[in-house]
Amino acid sequence: MYNKLQYISQGETIEKQLYNIHQALDAGCDWVQMRFKNQTEKDTFALAEAVKFLCEEYLANFIVNDNLYLAQQVAADGVHLGLSDMKIDEARAILGTTKIIGGTANTFEDIENHVKNGCDYIGLGPFRFTETKEKLSPILGLSGYYEIVQKMKTNKIQIPVYAIGGITLKDINPIMETGIHGIAVSGMITISDQKEKLIQQLNEKLYANVIV
């Protein structure tokens, strides 16, 4: 089963991105989604190569945001596709069955389509308003998550679903009570000056009810 905590990278430059990713890995995060928007192809490739090396060193999963061909070029573990990116089934046809494909969703119908097309996990959001993402979909909140998870159960749909969007530490318990698999966070880890302590706290809450 996939890790319950995903770190989505932040940083305007290669240096800032690498610093933030290295810090998150060093603090115990073992799933990195590299998100480096509106950059040159050369810089994005250079960053991806460096992140791939870092993730291998820390035995962490490395997912590339949006860019399937880049994920393929650097032999990343997979790709995460937004609602306006390449279709999941097209990506699956290109990447084959061994790579991870994640998909963004805002509704139960989005999840239904992603599962049908061969998606491996869902990033469901936003939980609340976040400045990390432009063109935000409708806010879901706890009631939105609960409603969607119940529909998934009714329709016997099983896939790891990650809450995303403006999540804080105190949100974790109520979010997990909705039946969500885990969380994907960006700013919370990036801006923390006690990353190791934070990731430990996050994992304690995320895995609190898991029977080993």
Protein backbone atom coordinates (compact mmCIF):
# COMPACT_ATOMS: atom_id res chain seq x y z
CA MET A 1 0.00 0.00 0.00
CA TYR A 2 1.18 3.54 -0.77
CA ASN A 3 2.66 5.79 1.93
CA LYS A 4 0.08 7.99 3.63
CA LEU A 5 2.16 11.16 3.38
CA GLN A 6 3.12 12.81 0.09
CA TYR A 7 5.30 15.92 -0.15
CA ILE A 8 4.62 18.17 -3.15
CA SER A 9 7.72 20.25 -3.82
CA GLN A 10 7.92 24.03 -3.76
CA GLY A 11 10.49 26.56 -4.95
CA GLU A 12 10.91 29.10 -7.76
CA THR A 13 14.42 27.93 -8.68
CA ILE A 14 16.26 24.62 -9.03
CA GLU A 15 18.28 25.47 -5.92
CA LYS A 16 15.22 26.22 -3.77
CA GLN A 17 13.43 23.10 -5.01
CA LEU A 18 16.42 20.87 -4.28
CA TYR A 19 16.92 22.43 -0.86
CA ASN A 20 13.24 21.91 0.08
CA ILE A 21 13.12 18.34 -1.27
CA HIS A 22 16.38 17.38 0.42
CA GLN A 23 15.11 18.81 3.72
CA ALA A 24 11.83 16.88 3.45
CA LEU A 25 13.63 13.62 2.64
CA ASP A 26 16.12 14.17 5.44
CA ALA A 27 13.25 14.73 7.87
CA GLY A 28 11.70 11.36 6.99
CA CYS A 29 9.38 12.01 4.06
CA ASP A 30 9.48 9.10 1.60
CA TRP A 31 7.18 10.20 -1.21
CA VAL A 32 8.07 13.27 -3.31
CA GLN A 33 5.97 14.74 -6.10
CA MET A 34 8.12 17.23 -8.03
CA ARG A 35 6.02 20.27 -8.97
CA PHE A 36 8.03 22.87 -10.92
CA LYS A 37 5.64 24.99 -13.00
CA ASN A 38 6.32 27.46 -15.83
CA GLN A 39 10.04 26.69 -16.11
CA THR A 40 12.28 25.98 -19.09
CA GLU A 41 12.56 22.42 -20.35
CA LYS A 42 16.29 22.46 -19.58
CA ASP A 43 15.83 23.55 -15.94
CA THR A 44 12.96 21.12 -15.35
CA PHE A 45 15.01 18.22 -16.71
CA ALA A 46 18.05 19.22 -14.62
CA LEU A 47 15.92 19.35 -11.48
CA ALA A 48 14.21 16.04 -12.24
CA GLU A 49 17.56 14.29 -12.70
CA ALA A 50 18.82 15.64 -9.37
CA VAL A 51 15.59 14.74 -7.55
CA LYS A 52 15.67 11.23 -9.00
CA PHE A 53 19.19 10.79 -7.58
CA LEU A 54 18.13 12.14 -4.16
CA CYS A 55 15.03 9.94 -3.97
CA GLU A 56 17.08 6.86 -4.86
CA GLU A 57 19.51 7.75 -2.09
CA TYR A 58 16.66 8.02 0.45
CA LEU A 59 14.67 5.06 -0.99
CA ALA A 60 11.73 7.41 -1.58
CA ASN A 61 9.08 7.32 -4.30
CA PHE A 62 9.63 9.97 -6.97
CA ILE A 63 6.60 11.23 -8.89
CA VAL A 64 6.72 13.96 -11.56
CA ASN A 65 3.81 16.41 -11.66
CA ASP A 66 2.05 16.80 -15.04
CA ASN A 67 4.95 15.94 -17.33
CA LEU A 68 4.66 12.31 -18.46
CA TYR A 69 7.52 12.45 -20.96
CA LEU A 70 9.86 13.92 -18.36
CA ALA A 71 8.87 11.13 -15.93
CA GLN A 72 9.72 8.67 -18.70
CA GLN A 73 13.04 10.37 -19.55
CA VAL A 74 14.40 10.27 -16.00
CA ALA A 75 12.82 6.89 -15.15
CA ALA A 76 10.77 8.35 -12.28
CA ASP A 77 8.48 6.04 -10.31
CA GLY A 78 5.48 7.67 -11.91
CA VAL A 79 3.52 10.76 -12.87
CA HIS A 80 0.67 12.77 -11.36
CA LEU A 81 -1.82 14.19 -13.86
CA GLY A 82 -4.22 17.09 -13.32
CA LEU A 83 -7.75 17.24 -14.72
CA SER A 84 -6.57 19.28 -17.71
CA ASP A 85 -3.45 17.17 -18.41
CA MET A 86 -3.06 14.07 -20.55
CA LYS A 87 -5.82 11.47 -20.04
CA ILE A 88 -5.05 8.64 -17.62
CA ASP A 89 -5.64 5.86 -20.17
CA GLU A 90 -3.29 7.54 -22.69
CA ALA A 91 -0.62 7.86 -19.99
CA ARG A 92 -1.08 4.22 -19.01
CA ALA A 93 -0.67 3.14 -22.63
CA ILE A 94 2.66 5.02 -22.79
CA LEU A 95 4.06 4.17 -19.33
CA GLY A 96 2.90 0.56 -19.12
CA THR A 97 1.80 -1.22 -15.96
CA THR A 98 4.91 -0.87 -13.80
CA LYS A 99 4.76 2.91 -13.24
CA ILE A 100 2.54 4.77 -10.76
CA ILE A 101 -0.09 7.11 -12.22
CA GLY A 102 -1.89 9.51 -9.91
CA GLY A 103 -4.82 11.69 -10.91
CA THR A 104 -6.35 14.88 -9.52
CA ALA A 105 -10.06 14.72 -8.70
CA ASN A 106 -12.69 17.12 -7.36
CA THR A 107 -15.79 14.91 -7.66
CA PHE A 108 -16.87 11.28 -7.33
CA GLU A 109 -17.29 11.19 -11.12
CA ASP A 110 -13.64 12.22 -11.58
CA ILE A 111 -12.57 9.29 -9.38
CA GLU A 112 -14.86 6.88 -11.22
CA ASN A 113 -13.32 7.89 -14.57
CA HIS A 114 -9.75 7.73 -13.26
CA VAL A 115 -10.24 4.23 -11.82
CA LYS A 116 -11.83 3.01 -15.04
CA ASN A 117 -8.84 4.35 -17.01
CA GLY A 118 -6.16 2.68 -14.89
CA CYS A 119 -5.23 5.26 -12.25
CA ASP A 120 -3.29 4.07 -9.14
CA TYR A 121 -4.13 6.79 -6.61
CA ILE A 122 -6.22 9.95 -6.37
CA GLY A 123 -5.35 13.46 -5.15
CA LEU A 124 -8.77 14.73 -4.03
CA GLY A 125 -9.21 18.39 -3.29
CA PRO A 126 -9.02 21.10 -2.46
CA PHE A 127 -9.77 20.55 1.23
CA ARG A 128 -9.77 24.33 1.76
CA PHE A 129 -8.43 27.40 -0.02
CA THR A 130 -4.73 27.21 -0.84
CA GLU A 131 -2.42 29.74 -2.48
CA THR A 132 -0.19 26.95 -3.83
CA LYS A 133 -2.50 26.26 -6.77
CA GLU A 134 -3.96 28.57 -9.41
CA LYS A 135 -7.46 27.92 -10.86
CA LEU A 136 -8.78 26.22 -7.75
CA SER A 137 -11.67 23.74 -8.06
CA PRO A 138 -14.66 23.99 -5.67
CA ILE A 139 -13.67 23.54 -2.00
CA LEU A 140 -14.64 20.11 -0.60
CA GLY A 141 -14.10 20.33 3.16
CA LEU A 142 -14.75 17.39 5.50
CA SER A 143 -18.34 16.90 4.35
CA GLY A 144 -17.22 16.70 0.72
CA TYR A 145 -14.63 14.03 1.52
CA TYR A 146 -17.08 12.02 3.61
CA GLU A 147 -19.74 12.12 0.89
CA ILE A 148 -17.30 11.03 -1.85
CA VAL A 149 -15.77 8.22 0.25
CA GLN A 150 -19.27 6.90 1.04
CA LYS A 151 -20.16 6.91 -2.69
CA MET A 152 -16.94 4.99 -3.37
CA LYS A 153 -17.93 2.36 -0.78
CA THR A 154 -21.45 2.08 -2.22
CA ASN A 155 -20.00 1.59 -5.70
CA LYS A 156 -17.28 -0.78 -4.44
CA ILE A 157 -14.48 1.48 -5.71
CA GLN A 158 -11.18 0.91 -3.91
CA ILE A 159 -8.24 3.20 -4.59
CA PRO A 160 -5.95 5.21 -2.25
CA VAL A 161 -7.35 8.75 -1.98
CA TYR A 162 -5.20 11.64 -0.70
CA ALA A 163 -6.64 14.84 0.73
CA ILE A 164 -4.91 17.95 -0.59
CA GLY A 165 -5.20 21.71 -0.25
CA GLY A 166 -4.41 23.91 2.73
CA ILE A 167 -4.23 21.06 5.26
CA THR A 168 -2.89 21.78 8.77
CA LEU A 169 -1.79 19.42 11.54
CA LYS A 170 -5.08 19.74 13.43
CA ASP A 171 -7.02 18.72 10.29
CA ILE A 172 -5.43 15.25 10.07
CA ASN A 173 -7.61 13.36 12.56
CA PRO A 174 -10.98 14.59 11.20
CA ILE A 175 -9.78 14.06 7.61
CA MET A 176 -8.71 10.47 8.33
CA GLU A 177 -12.07 9.81 10.02
CA THR A 178 -13.78 10.37 6.65
CA GLY A 179 -12.08 7.24 5.29
CA ILE A 180 -9.38 9.04 3.28
CA HIS A 181 -6.12 7.07 2.78
CA GLY A 182 -3.61 9.88 3.34
CA ILE A 183 -2.62 13.49 2.69
CA ALA A 184 -0.52 15.40 0.15
CA VAL A 185 1.03 18.56 1.56
CA SER A 186 3.32 21.26 0.29
CA GLY A 187 3.51 24.50 2.25
CA MET A 188 3.11 22.90 5.68
CA ILE A 189 6.38 20.96 5.30
CA THR A 190 8.23 23.59 3.23
CA ILE A 191 7.81 26.43 5.74
CA SER A 192 8.28 24.33 8.90
CA ASP A 193 11.48 25.02 10.85
CA GLN A 194 11.07 21.67 12.64
CA LYS A 195 10.49 19.37 9.70
CA GLU A 196 11.58 16.14 11.40
CA LYS A 197 9.25 16.73 14.36
CA LEU A 198 6.40 17.73 12.01
CA ILE A 199 6.75 14.65 9.77
CA GLN A 200 6.88 12.43 12.84
CA GLN A 201 3.67 14.06 14.15
CA LEU A 202 1.98 13.73 10.75
CA ASN A 203 2.88 10.05 10.46
CA GLU A 204 1.73 9.33 14.01
CA LYS A 205 -1.68 10.79 13.20
CA LEU A 206 -1.88 9.22 9.71
CA TYR A 207 -1.00 5.73 10.94
CA ALA A 208 -2.79 5.97 14.32
CA ASN A 209 -5.53 3.50 13.41
CA VAL A 210 -3.54 1.21 11.16
CA ILE A 211 -3.24 -2.39 12.35
CA VAL A 212 0.23 -3.70 11.52
